[in-house]
Amino acid sequence: MKRRGLALGGAAIGAANGLFGGGGGMVAVPLLERAARYPAASAHATAIAVVLPASAASGAVYLFSGLVPAAVLLPAALGVAAGGFLGAKLLPRLASRALGAMFALVMFAAGVRMLFP
């Protein structure tokens, strides 16, 4: 995939992440697997790396806009950091098919949850 395509894909990932407060990885992983031909584990790891700046940028906007409750920020951030660390340690140990199935299941569950709150 050419740099221009990656930049356009990156813009879509950042827009999804900023608009929905997350979810950039759900755009990044399929893009990296299919368009850039990354193996599953590399696509997931790269998705986290490319979503980090988008999350930091949109998080700063939300924080300085007063949209982030201060009482929620620290405990949630600590939990996310701990879960991210554990997930990153687990990722290399998962088979590609298992990782794909888990990712699809989480995406499906998130979609159903959004349709039927």
Protein backbone atom coordinates (compact mmCIF):
# COMPACT_ATOMS: atom_id res chain seq x y z
CA MET A 1 0.00 0.00 0.00
CA LYS A 2 1.40 3.38 -0.95
CA ARG A 3 2.06 6.17 1.52
CA ARG A 4 -0.85 8.23 0.21
CA GLY A 5 -3.24 5.34 0.84
CA LEU A 6 -1.82 4.88 4.32
CA ALA A 7 -2.25 8.60 5.02
CA LEU A 8 -5.87 8.51 3.84
CA GLY A 9 -6.48 5.39 5.90
CA GLY A 10 -4.87 7.12 8.86
CA ALA A 11 -7.22 10.08 8.43
CA ALA A 12 -10.21 7.71 8.47
CA ILE A 13 -8.85 5.99 11.59
CA GLY A 14 -8.31 9.33 13.35
CA ALA A 15 -11.76 10.59 12.38
CA ALA A 16 -13.43 7.41 13.66
CA ASN A 17 -11.46 7.57 16.88
CA GLY A 18 -12.16 11.25 17.49
CA LEU A 19 -15.82 11.09 16.50
CA PHE A 20 -16.76 7.96 18.41
CA GLY A 21 -14.35 8.31 21.34
CA GLY A 22 -12.60 5.13 20.22
CA GLY A 23 -12.96 2.55 17.53
CA GLY A 24 -10.06 3.66 15.38
CA GLY A 25 -8.56 0.20 15.82
CA MET A 26 -11.67 -1.36 14.33
CA VAL A 27 -10.90 0.58 11.15
CA ALA A 28 -7.12 0.19 11.38
CA VAL A 29 -6.92 -3.59 11.83
CA PRO A 30 -8.84 -4.58 8.67
CA LEU A 31 -7.07 -1.83 6.70
CA LEU A 32 -3.65 -3.08 7.78
CA GLU A 33 -4.50 -6.76 7.28
CA ARG A 34 -6.14 -6.44 3.89
CA ALA A 35 -4.72 -3.35 2.22
CA ALA A 36 -1.21 -3.38 3.69
CA ARG A 37 -1.05 -7.21 3.97
CA TYR A 38 0.13 -7.21 7.59
CA PRO A 39 -0.13 -10.46 9.58
CA ALA A 40 -2.87 -10.35 12.23
CA ALA A 41 -0.63 -9.79 15.26
CA SER A 42 1.32 -7.04 13.47
CA ALA A 43 -1.92 -5.37 12.33
CA HIS A 44 -3.30 -5.30 15.87
CA ALA A 45 -0.03 -4.02 17.35
CA THR A 46 0.35 -1.37 14.64
CA ALA A 47 -3.28 -0.31 15.09
CA ILE A 48 -2.60 0.45 18.74
CA ALA A 49 0.50 2.44 17.82
CA VAL A 50 -1.30 4.53 15.19
CA VAL A 51 -4.39 5.09 17.33
CA LEU A 52 -2.32 6.37 20.26
CA PRO A 53 -1.68 9.86 18.78
CA ALA A 54 -5.32 10.16 17.68
CA SER A 55 -6.49 9.19 21.15
CA ALA A 56 -4.11 11.65 22.78
CA ALA A 57 -5.21 14.49 20.48
CA SER A 58 -8.95 13.88 20.81
CA GLY A 59 -8.58 13.18 24.53
CA ALA A 60 -6.89 16.54 25.04
CA VAL A 61 -9.69 18.30 23.16
CA TYR A 62 -12.34 16.51 25.25
CA LEU A 63 -10.46 17.19 28.49
CA PHE A 64 -9.96 20.91 27.85
CA SER A 65 -13.57 21.22 26.64
CA GLY A 66 -14.79 20.02 30.02
CA LEU A 67 -16.31 16.83 28.57
CA VAL A 68 -14.20 14.48 30.73
CA PRO A 69 -15.36 14.07 34.35
CA ALA A 70 -12.21 14.39 36.46
CA ALA A 71 -13.45 11.72 38.91
CA VAL A 72 -13.56 9.19 36.08
CA LEU A 73 -10.31 10.07 34.33
CA LEU A 74 -7.62 8.67 36.66
CA PRO A 75 -9.23 5.35 37.63
CA ALA A 76 -10.31 4.64 34.06
CA ALA A 77 -6.89 5.60 32.66
CA LEU A 78 -5.14 3.30 35.14
CA GLY A 79 -7.45 0.42 34.23
CA VAL A 80 -6.96 1.00 30.51
CA ALA A 81 -3.17 1.11 30.95
CA ALA A 82 -3.15 -2.14 32.94
CA GLY A 83 -5.45 -3.87 30.45
CA GLY A 84 -3.37 -2.59 27.54
CA PHE A 85 -0.19 -3.93 29.11
CA LEU A 86 -1.73 -7.35 29.72
CA GLY A 87 -3.25 -7.48 26.23
CA ALA A 88 0.08 -6.56 24.64
CA LYS A 89 1.80 -9.36 26.56
CA LEU A 90 -0.90 -11.84 25.47
CA LEU A 91 -1.02 -10.83 21.77
CA PRO A 92 2.14 -12.66 20.60
CA ARG A 93 0.90 -15.87 22.23
CA LEU A 94 -2.38 -16.03 20.31
CA ALA A 95 -2.83 -17.88 17.04
CA SER A 96 -3.85 -15.68 14.13
CA ARG A 97 -7.23 -17.42 13.75
CA ALA A 98 -8.00 -17.10 17.46
CA LEU A 99 -7.08 -13.43 17.39
CA GLY A 100 -9.30 -12.84 14.34
CA ALA A 101 -12.21 -14.69 15.96
CA MET A 102 -11.87 -12.73 19.20
CA PHE A 103 -11.69 -9.44 17.31
CA ALA A 104 -14.77 -10.32 15.24
CA LEU A 105 -16.67 -11.32 18.37
CA VAL A 106 -15.84 -8.06 20.14
CA MET A 107 -16.81 -6.03 17.04
CA PHE A 108 -20.09 -7.96 16.74
CA ALA A 109 -20.90 -7.53 20.44
CA ALA A 110 -20.15 -3.80 20.24
CA GLY A 111 -22.42 -3.46 17.21
CA VAL A 112 -25.29 -5.32 18.88
CA ARG A 113 -24.83 -3.23 22.03
CA MET A 114 -25.03 -0.04 19.98
CA LEU A 115 -28.22 -1.18 18.23
CA PHE A 116 -29.94 -2.37 21.39
CA PRO A 117 -28.79 -0.24 24.34
